[in-house]
Amino acid sequence: MTNTRTLQRVSFSLICIACLSACGVTARMEPYKQTNVVINEGDQVVVLARKHHATHEAEEGFVECISESLGRGRDAIEVHPTQAFEDTLYPWFEPSMAPLSTEELSELLEKPGVMDRVRDTGVRFLVWLDGSTERTSSGGGISCAAGVGGAGCMGLAWWEDDARYDATVWDIEQLESAGTIYADFRGRSVMPAIIIPIPLIARPQAQACRGLTDQLREFLTSPYGYGAGPELG
């Protein structure tokens, strides 16, 4: 009976610790708009991953998440499929040739036939995504054992992920940068083990997708003067 009560107290303590520290996500958004341009009816947006360095290239799934989220809901924006745009502009948006600045974009669009291809797509704005989600730290431990009375695990493990992205908006018609949105979402996950492991997962990348989508939608539909919202915690 004493052992059972001790196990119950330990289990309760682990659950309390897990509940206090699990799934905590802190967020910081810093939008900066340089022009008063807004998206018009018939204009399309394409979301691309910056490809100048593979180690921090935005994940394909994150690019898809932003694209699909922008195109849904009551305030949906018309989004051109990423792969279709890259195929139409092949090979100009391949990793070794993709423009990295508005100056390089201007030079690209001056090449014979390139601007005509872009106009055919209906794309007015390029959204360049740069960044990644990385595991920044972890700790704790879980031990498992099996005996005559059965098997089980005890302990507590935790880890932290940092989803950090920049979204730079280029205006193809004006050949200039409309501005940038910086997003940093940090999340801590925990896994208490009381007989069986119970993962309590924070998802900073999913929240970064939602946060950036909301900011991009406001960025593209609000005139000059749009600025950073409050820091979230």
C-alpha atoms as a PDB file:
ATOM      1  CA  MET A   1       0.000   0.000   0.000  1.00  0.00           C
ATOM      2  CA  THR A   2       2.852   2.365   0.883  1.00  0.00           C
ATOM      3  CA  ASN A   3       4.547   1.713  -2.461  1.00  0.00           C
ATOM      4  CA  THR A   4       1.285   2.343  -4.275  1.00  0.00           C
ATOM      5  CA  ARG A   5       0.747   5.652  -2.522  1.00  0.00           C
ATOM      6  CA  THR A   6       4.331   6.700  -3.221  1.00  0.00           C
ATOM      7  CA  LEU A   7       3.868   5.880  -6.892  1.00  0.00           C
ATOM      8  CA  GLN A   8       0.648   7.871  -6.962  1.00  0.00           C
ATOM      9  CA  ARG A   9       2.356  10.908  -5.410  1.00  0.00           C
ATOM     10  CA  VAL A  10       5.247  10.707  -7.857  1.00  0.00           C
ATOM     11  CA  SER A  11       2.832  10.296 -10.743  1.00  0.00           C
ATOM     12  CA  PHE A  12       0.770  13.288  -9.640  1.00  0.00           C
ATOM     13  CA  SER A  13       3.914  15.414  -9.305  1.00  0.00           C
ATOM     14  CA  LEU A  14       5.044  14.493 -12.799  1.00  0.00           C
ATOM     15  CA  ILE A  15       1.645  15.325 -14.239  1.00  0.00           C
ATOM     16  CA  CYS A  16       1.670  18.737 -12.500  1.00  0.00           C
ATOM     17  CA  ILE A  17       5.152  19.524 -13.792  1.00  0.00           C
ATOM     18  CA  ALA A  18       4.159  18.469 -17.292  1.00  0.00           C
ATOM     19  CA  CYS A  19       0.981  20.552 -17.270  1.00  0.00           C
ATOM     20  CA  LEU A  20       2.853  23.638 -16.086  1.00  0.00           C
ATOM     21  CA  SER A  21       5.593  23.413 -18.695  1.00  0.00           C
ATOM     22  CA  ALA A  22       4.044  21.566 -21.651  1.00  0.00           C
ATOM     23  CA  CYS A  23       3.090  22.991 -24.969  1.00  0.00           C
ATOM     24  CA  GLY A  24       4.247  26.481 -24.086  1.00  0.00           C
ATOM     25  CA  VAL A  25       4.750  28.582 -27.220  1.00  0.00           C
ATOM     26  CA  THR A  26       6.034  32.139 -27.240  1.00  0.00           C
ATOM     27  CA  ALA A  27       5.718  34.190 -30.407  1.00  0.00           C
ATOM     28  CA  ARG A  28       7.168  37.368 -31.822  1.00  0.00           C
ATOM     29  CA  MET A  29       5.985  38.963 -35.060  1.00  0.00           C
ATOM     30  CA  GLU A  30       7.674  41.980 -36.649  1.00  0.00           C
ATOM     31  CA  PRO A  31       5.980  43.157 -39.884  1.00  0.00           C
ATOM     32  CA  TYR A  32       7.479  46.069 -41.788  1.00  0.00           C
ATOM     33  CA  LYS A  33       5.750  47.464 -44.877  1.00  0.00           C
ATOM     34  CA  GLN A  34       7.624  49.926 -47.084  1.00  0.00           C
ATOM     35  CA  THR A  35       4.915  50.901 -49.608  1.00  0.00           C
ATOM     36  CA  ASN A  36       1.167  51.539 -49.758  1.00  0.00           C
ATOM     37  CA  VAL A  37       0.590  48.833 -52.354  1.00  0.00           C
ATOM     38  CA  VAL A  38      -2.343  46.433 -51.869  1.00  0.00           C
ATOM     39  CA  ILE A  39      -3.478  43.420 -53.822  1.00  0.00           C
ATOM     40  CA  ASN A  40      -6.188  44.055 -56.408  1.00  0.00           C
ATOM     41  CA  GLU A  41      -8.862  41.821 -57.855  1.00  0.00           C
ATOM     42  CA  GLY A  42      -7.291  39.468 -60.365  1.00  0.00           C
ATOM     43  CA  ASP A  43      -3.807  39.723 -58.819  1.00  0.00           C
ATOM     44  CA  GLN A  44      -2.201  36.506 -57.664  1.00  0.00           C
ATOM     45  CA  VAL A  45       0.471  35.693 -55.091  1.00  0.00           C
ATOM     46  CA  VAL A  46       3.059  32.956 -55.281  1.00  0.00           C
ATOM     47  CA  VAL A  47       4.937  31.655 -52.232  1.00  0.00           C
ATOM     48  CA  LEU A  48       8.496  30.446 -52.825  1.00  0.00           C
ATOM     49  CA  ALA A  49      11.336  29.191 -50.644  1.00  0.00           C
ATOM     50  CA  ARG A  50      14.556  31.184 -50.801  1.00  0.00           C
ATOM     51  CA  LYS A  51      17.139  28.809 -52.223  1.00  0.00           C
ATOM     52  CA  HIS A  52      20.424  30.587 -51.627  1.00  0.00           C
ATOM     53  CA  HIS A  53      21.510  28.236 -48.814  1.00  0.00           C
ATOM     54  CA  ALA A  54      20.139  24.756 -48.268  1.00  0.00           C
ATOM     55  CA  THR A  55      20.644  24.722 -44.474  1.00  0.00           C
ATOM     56  CA  HIS A  56      18.029  27.431 -43.894  1.00  0.00           C
ATOM     57  CA  GLU A  57      15.741  26.896 -46.874  1.00  0.00           C
ATOM     58  CA  ALA A  58      12.118  26.951 -45.750  1.00  0.00           C
ATOM     59  CA  GLU A  59      10.694  23.446 -45.673  1.00  0.00           C
ATOM     60  CA  GLU A  60       8.434  22.425 -48.562  1.00  0.00           C
ATOM     61  CA  GLY A  61       5.646  21.597 -46.112  1.00  0.00           C
ATOM     62  CA  PHE A  62       5.834  25.068 -44.585  1.00  0.00           C
ATOM     63  CA  VAL A  63       5.643  26.713 -48.020  1.00  0.00           C
ATOM     64  CA  GLU A  64       2.574  24.583 -48.800  1.00  0.00           C
ATOM     65  CA  CYS A  65       1.002  25.502 -45.454  1.00  0.00           C
ATOM     66  CA  ILE A  66       1.340  29.248 -46.136  1.00  0.00           C
ATOM     67  CA  SER A  67       0.073  28.878 -49.711  1.00  0.00           C
ATOM     68  CA  GLU A  68      -2.957  26.797 -48.761  1.00  0.00           C
ATOM     69  CA  SER A  69      -3.824  28.968 -45.750  1.00  0.00           C
ATOM     70  CA  LEU A  70      -3.716  32.200 -47.765  1.00  0.00           C
ATOM     71  CA  GLY A  71      -6.113  30.689 -50.280  1.00  0.00           C
ATOM     72  CA  ARG A  72      -8.724  29.634 -47.697  1.00  0.00           C
ATOM     73  CA  GLY A  73     -11.334  31.444 -45.662  1.00  0.00           C
ATOM     74  CA  ARG A  74     -13.547  34.480 -46.012  1.00  0.00           C
ATOM     75  CA  ASP A  75     -10.621  36.771 -46.900  1.00  0.00           C
ATOM     76  CA  ALA A  76      -8.947  34.281 -49.235  1.00  0.00           C
ATOM     77  CA  ILE A  77      -6.244  35.545 -51.588  1.00  0.00           C
ATOM     78  CA  GLU A  78      -5.731  33.986 -54.993  1.00  0.00           C
ATOM     79  CA  VAL A  79      -2.520  31.963 -54.737  1.00  0.00           C
ATOM     80  CA  HIS A  80      -0.646  30.605 -57.749  1.00  0.00           C
ATOM     81  CA  PRO A  81       0.717  27.059 -57.223  1.00  0.00           C
ATOM     82  CA  THR A  82       4.419  27.161 -56.363  1.00  0.00           C
ATOM     83  CA  GLN A  83       5.483  24.256 -58.563  1.00  0.00           C
ATOM     84  CA  ALA A  84       3.483  25.531 -61.536  1.00  0.00           C
ATOM     85  CA  PHE A  85       5.151  28.944 -61.249  1.00  0.00           C
ATOM     86  CA  GLU A  86       8.647  27.434 -61.054  1.00  0.00           C
ATOM     87  CA  ASP A  87       7.885  25.174 -64.021  1.00  0.00           C
ATOM     88  CA  THR A  88       6.600  28.115 -66.083  1.00  0.00           C
ATOM     89  CA  LEU A  89       9.698  30.175 -65.263  1.00  0.00           C
ATOM     90  CA  TYR A  90      12.147  27.289 -65.618  1.00  0.00           C
ATOM     91  CA  PRO A  91      15.115  27.509 -65.237  1.00  0.00           C
ATOM     92  CA  TRP A  92      15.105  31.046 -63.771  1.00  0.00           C
ATOM     93  CA  PHE A  93      13.965  30.027 -60.282  1.00  0.00           C
ATOM     94  CA  GLU A  94      16.231  27.035 -59.884  1.00  0.00           C
ATOM     95  CA  PRO A  95      18.554  27.237 -56.813  1.00  0.00           C
ATOM     96  CA  SER A  96      21.593  28.354 -58.793  1.00  0.00           C
ATOM     97  CA  MET A  97      19.729  31.053 -60.747  1.00  0.00           C
ATOM     98  CA  ALA A  98      16.890  32.370 -58.533  1.00  0.00           C
ATOM     99  CA  PRO A  99      17.123  36.136 -57.890  1.00  0.00           C
ATOM    100  CA  LEU A 100      18.103  37.138 -54.335  1.00  0.00           C
ATOM    101  CA  SER A 101      17.276  40.848 -54.525  1.00  0.00           C
ATOM    102  CA  THR A 102      14.904  43.178 -56.334  1.00  0.00           C
ATOM    103  CA  GLU A 103      17.832  44.304 -58.476  1.00  0.00           C
ATOM    104  CA  GLU A 104      18.425  40.733 -59.608  1.00  0.00           C
ATOM    105  CA  LEU A 105      14.685  40.293 -60.150  1.00  0.00           C
ATOM    106  CA  SER A 106      14.663  43.384 -62.363  1.00  0.00           C
ATOM    107  CA  GLU A 107      17.574  41.996 -64.374  1.00  0.00           C
ATOM    108  CA  LEU A 108      15.780  38.665 -64.723  1.00  0.00           C
ATOM    109  CA  LEU A 109      12.546  40.256 -65.947  1.00  0.00           C
ATOM    110  CA  GLU A 110      14.494  42.156 -68.598  1.00  0.00           C
ATOM    111  CA  LYS A 111      15.571  38.893 -70.203  1.00  0.00           C
ATOM    112  CA  PRO A 112      13.680  38.120 -73.444  1.00  0.00           C
ATOM    113  CA  GLY A 113      10.314  36.483 -72.813  1.00  0.00           C
ATOM    114  CA  VAL A 114      10.591  36.284 -69.000  1.00  0.00           C
ATOM    115  CA  MET A 115       8.189  39.122 -68.192  1.00  0.00           C
ATOM    116  CA  ASP A 116       5.668  37.736 -70.671  1.00  0.00           C
ATOM    117  CA  ARG A 117       5.762  34.381 -68.870  1.00  0.00           C
ATOM    118  CA  VAL A 118       5.209  36.073 -65.503  1.00  0.00           C
ATOM    119  CA  ARG A 119       2.246  38.071 -66.835  1.00  0.00           C
ATOM    120  CA  ASP A 120       0.719  34.878 -68.188  1.00  0.00           C
ATOM    121  CA  THR A 121       0.691  33.428 -64.658  1.00  0.00           C
ATOM    122  CA  GLY A 122      -1.245  36.398 -63.236  1.00  0.00           C
ATOM    123  CA  VAL A 123       1.252  36.704 -60.364  1.00  0.00           C
ATOM    124  CA  ARG A 124       1.705  40.237 -58.982  1.00  0.00           C
ATOM    125  CA  PHE A 125       3.492  39.461 -55.698  1.00  0.00           C
ATOM    126  CA  LEU A 126       6.296  37.060 -54.840  1.00  0.00           C
ATOM    127  CA  VAL A 127       6.497  35.978 -51.203  1.00  0.00           C
ATOM    128  CA  TRP A 128       9.979  34.690 -50.420  1.00  0.00           C
ATOM    129  CA  LEU A 129      10.142  32.456 -47.341  1.00  0.00           C
ATOM    130  CA  ASP A 130      13.469  32.036 -45.595  1.00  0.00           C
ATOM    131  CA  GLY A 131      14.112  30.122 -42.383  1.00  0.00           C
ATOM    132  CA  SER A 132      13.485  26.775 -40.728  1.00  0.00           C
ATOM    133  CA  THR A 133      12.294  24.966 -37.611  1.00  0.00           C
ATOM    134  CA  GLU A 134      15.112  23.545 -35.507  1.00  0.00           C
ATOM    135  CA  ARG A 135      15.505  21.618 -32.272  1.00  0.00           C
ATOM    136  CA  THR A 136      17.370  23.985 -29.946  1.00  0.00           C
ATOM    137  CA  SER A 137      17.610  22.033 -26.675  1.00  0.00           C
ATOM    138  CA  SER A 138      16.390  18.946 -24.840  1.00  0.00           C
ATOM    139  CA  GLY A 139      16.766  17.253 -21.475  1.00  0.00           C
ATOM    140  CA  GLY A 140      15.371  14.900 -18.852  1.00  0.00           C
ATOM    141  CA  GLY A 141      15.033  11.183 -19.266  1.00  0.00           C
ATOM    142  CA  ILE A 142      12.704   8.199 -19.166  1.00  0.00           C
ATOM    143  CA  SER A 143      13.525   4.709 -17.954  1.00  0.00           C
ATOM    144  CA  CYS A 144      11.493   1.603 -18.642  1.00  0.00           C
ATOM    145  CA  ALA A 145      11.589  -1.825 -17.032  1.00  0.00           C
ATOM    146  CA  ALA A 146       9.731  -5.126 -17.152  1.00  0.00           C
ATOM    147  CA  GLY A 147       9.131  -7.565 -14.315  1.00  0.00           C
ATOM    148  CA  VAL A 148       6.855 -10.263 -13.032  1.00  0.00           C
ATOM    149  CA  GLY A 149       4.108  -7.748 -12.314  1.00  0.00           C
ATOM    150  CA  GLY A 150       4.304  -6.178 -15.764  1.00  0.00           C
ATOM    151  CA  ALA A 151       6.192  -3.399 -17.532  1.00  0.00           C
ATOM    152  CA  GLY A 152       6.229   0.356 -17.227  1.00  0.00           C
ATOM    153  CA  CYS A 153       8.155   3.586 -17.638  1.00  0.00           C
ATOM    154  CA  MET A 154       8.938   6.472 -15.313  1.00  0.00           C
ATOM    155  CA  GLY A 155      10.516   9.870 -15.896  1.00  0.00           C
ATOM    156  CA  LEU A 156      10.133  13.142 -17.726  1.00  0.00           C
ATOM    157  CA  ALA A 157      11.718  14.267 -20.995  1.00  0.00           C
ATOM    158  CA  TRP A 158      11.458  17.681 -22.650  1.00  0.00           C
ATOM    159  CA  TRP A 159      12.639  19.465 -25.780  1.00  0.00           C
ATOM    160  CA  GLU A 160      12.380  22.900 -27.373  1.00  0.00           C
ATOM    161  CA  ASP A 161      11.855  23.800 -31.047  1.00  0.00           C
ATOM    162  CA  ASP A 162      12.352  27.203 -32.646  1.00  0.00           C
ATOM    163  CA  ALA A 163      10.395  28.086 -35.809  1.00  0.00           C
ATOM    164  CA  ARG A 164      12.034  31.200 -37.228  1.00  0.00           C
ATOM    165  CA  TYR A 165      11.047  32.572 -40.640  1.00  0.00           C
ATOM    166  CA  ASP A 166      11.246  35.724 -42.745  1.00  0.00           C
ATOM    167  CA  ALA A 167       8.641  36.465 -45.421  1.00  0.00           C
ATOM    168  CA  THR A 168       9.764  39.107 -47.923  1.00  0.00           C
ATOM    169  CA  VAL A 169       7.135  40.426 -50.348  1.00  0.00           C
ATOM    170  CA  TRP A 170       8.239  41.561 -53.802  1.00  0.00           C
ATOM    171  CA  ASP A 171       6.006  43.645 -56.050  1.00  0.00           C
ATOM    172  CA  ILE A 172       6.668  42.461 -59.600  1.00  0.00           C
ATOM    173  CA  GLU A 173       4.771  45.342 -61.208  1.00  0.00           C
ATOM    174  CA  GLN A 174       6.742  48.031 -59.374  1.00  0.00           C
ATOM    175  CA  LEU A 175       9.957  45.964 -59.233  1.00  0.00           C
ATOM    176  CA  GLU A 176      10.527  46.711 -55.566  1.00  0.00           C
ATOM    177  CA  SER A 177      10.333  45.120 -52.152  1.00  0.00           C
ATOM    178  CA  ALA A 178       7.018  45.864 -50.435  1.00  0.00           C
ATOM    179  CA  GLY A 179       8.384  44.828 -47.046  1.00  0.00           C
ATOM    180  CA  THR A 180       9.225  41.949 -44.740  1.00  0.00           C
ATOM    181  CA  ILE A 181       7.550  40.020 -41.933  1.00  0.00           C
ATOM    182  CA  TYR A 182       9.731  38.373 -39.291  1.00  0.00           C
ATOM    183  CA  ALA A 183       8.274  35.527 -37.223  1.00  0.00           C
ATOM    184  CA  ASP A 184       9.847  33.639 -34.318  1.00  0.00           C
ATOM    185  CA  PHE A 185       7.783  30.950 -32.556  1.00  0.00           C
ATOM    186  CA  ARG A 186       9.429  28.928 -29.781  1.00  0.00           C
ATOM    187  CA  GLY A 187       7.761  25.921 -28.239  1.00  0.00           C
ATOM    188  CA  ARG A 188       8.545  23.501 -25.422  1.00  0.00           C
ATOM    189  CA  SER A 189       7.201  19.941 -25.474  1.00  0.00           C
ATOM    190  CA  VAL A 190       7.281  17.462 -22.597  1.00  0.00           C
ATOM    191  CA  MET A 191       6.759  13.735 -22.246  1.00  0.00           C
ATOM    192  CA  PRO A 192       5.972  12.503 -18.730  1.00  0.00           C
ATOM    193  CA  ALA A 193       6.115   8.730 -18.370  1.00  0.00           C
ATOM    194  CA  ILE A 194       3.811   7.221 -15.762  1.00  0.00           C
ATOM    195  CA  ILE A 195       3.650   3.563 -16.720  1.00  0.00           C
ATOM    196  CA  ILE A 196       3.357   4.716 -20.354  1.00  0.00           C
ATOM    197  CA  PRO A 197       4.888   7.839 -21.969  1.00  0.00           C
ATOM    198  CA  ILE A 198       2.375  10.667 -22.539  1.00  0.00           C
ATOM    199  CA  PRO A 199       3.642  13.144 -25.167  1.00  0.00           C
ATOM    200  CA  LEU A 200       2.416  16.736 -24.783  1.00  0.00           C
ATOM    201  CA  ILE A 201       3.604  18.353 -27.972  1.00  0.00           C
ATOM    202  CA  ALA A 202       4.026  22.039 -28.761  1.00  0.00           C
ATOM    203  CA  ARG A 203       3.823  22.818 -32.477  1.00  0.00           C
ATOM    204  CA  PRO A 204       5.613  26.119 -33.102  1.00  0.00           C
ATOM    205  CA  GLN A 205       5.864  25.547 -36.854  1.00  0.00           C
ATOM    206  CA  ALA A 206       2.084  25.155 -37.187  1.00  0.00           C
ATOM    207  CA  GLN A 207       1.554  28.303 -35.145  1.00  0.00           C
ATOM    208  CA  ALA A 208       4.183  30.130 -37.217  1.00  0.00           C
ATOM    209  CA  CYS A 209       2.216  29.174 -40.333  1.00  0.00           C
ATOM    210  CA  ARG A 210      -1.010  30.583 -38.871  1.00  0.00           C
ATOM    211  CA  GLY A 211       0.708  33.721 -37.602  1.00  0.00           C
ATOM    212  CA  LEU A 212       2.529  34.459 -40.860  1.00  0.00           C
ATOM    213  CA  THR A 213      -0.598  33.756 -42.904  1.00  0.00           C
ATOM    214  CA  ASP A 214      -2.619  36.270 -40.888  1.00  0.00           C
ATOM    215  CA  GLN A 215       0.135  38.872 -41.141  1.00  0.00           C
ATOM    216  CA  LEU A 216       0.612  38.334 -44.886  1.00  0.00           C
ATOM    217  CA  ARG A 217      -3.114  38.660 -45.531  1.00  0.00           C
ATOM    218  CA  GLU A 218      -3.211  41.960 -43.638  1.00  0.00           C
ATOM    219  CA  PHE A 219       0.033  43.064 -45.281  1.00  0.00           C
ATOM    220  CA  LEU A 220      -1.372  42.526 -48.770  1.00  0.00           C
ATOM    221  CA  THR A 221      -4.781  44.079 -48.116  1.00  0.00           C
ATOM    222  CA  SER A 222      -3.912  47.034 -45.854  1.00  0.00           C
ATOM    223  CA  PRO A 223      -2.355  50.267 -47.160  1.00  0.00           C
ATOM    224  CA  TYR A 224       0.761  52.041 -45.960  1.00  0.00           C
ATOM    225  CA  GLY A 225       0.926  52.444 -42.200  1.00  0.00           C
ATOM    226  CA  TYR A 226       0.408  48.796 -41.326  1.00  0.00           C
ATOM    227  CA  GLY A 227       2.846  47.861 -38.591  1.00  0.00           C
ATOM    228  CA  ALA A 228       3.784  45.339 -35.958  1.00  0.00           C
ATOM    229  CA  GLY A 229       1.164  44.004 -33.625  1.00  0.00           C
ATOM    230  CA  PRO A 230       1.710  43.249 -29.948  1.00  0.00           C
ATOM    231  CA  GLU A 231       4.231  40.656 -28.912  1.00  0.00           C
ATOM    232  CA  LEU A 232       2.537  37.409 -27.972  1.00  0.00           C
ATOM    233  CA  GLY A 233       3.413  35.172 -25.091  1.00  0.00           C
END
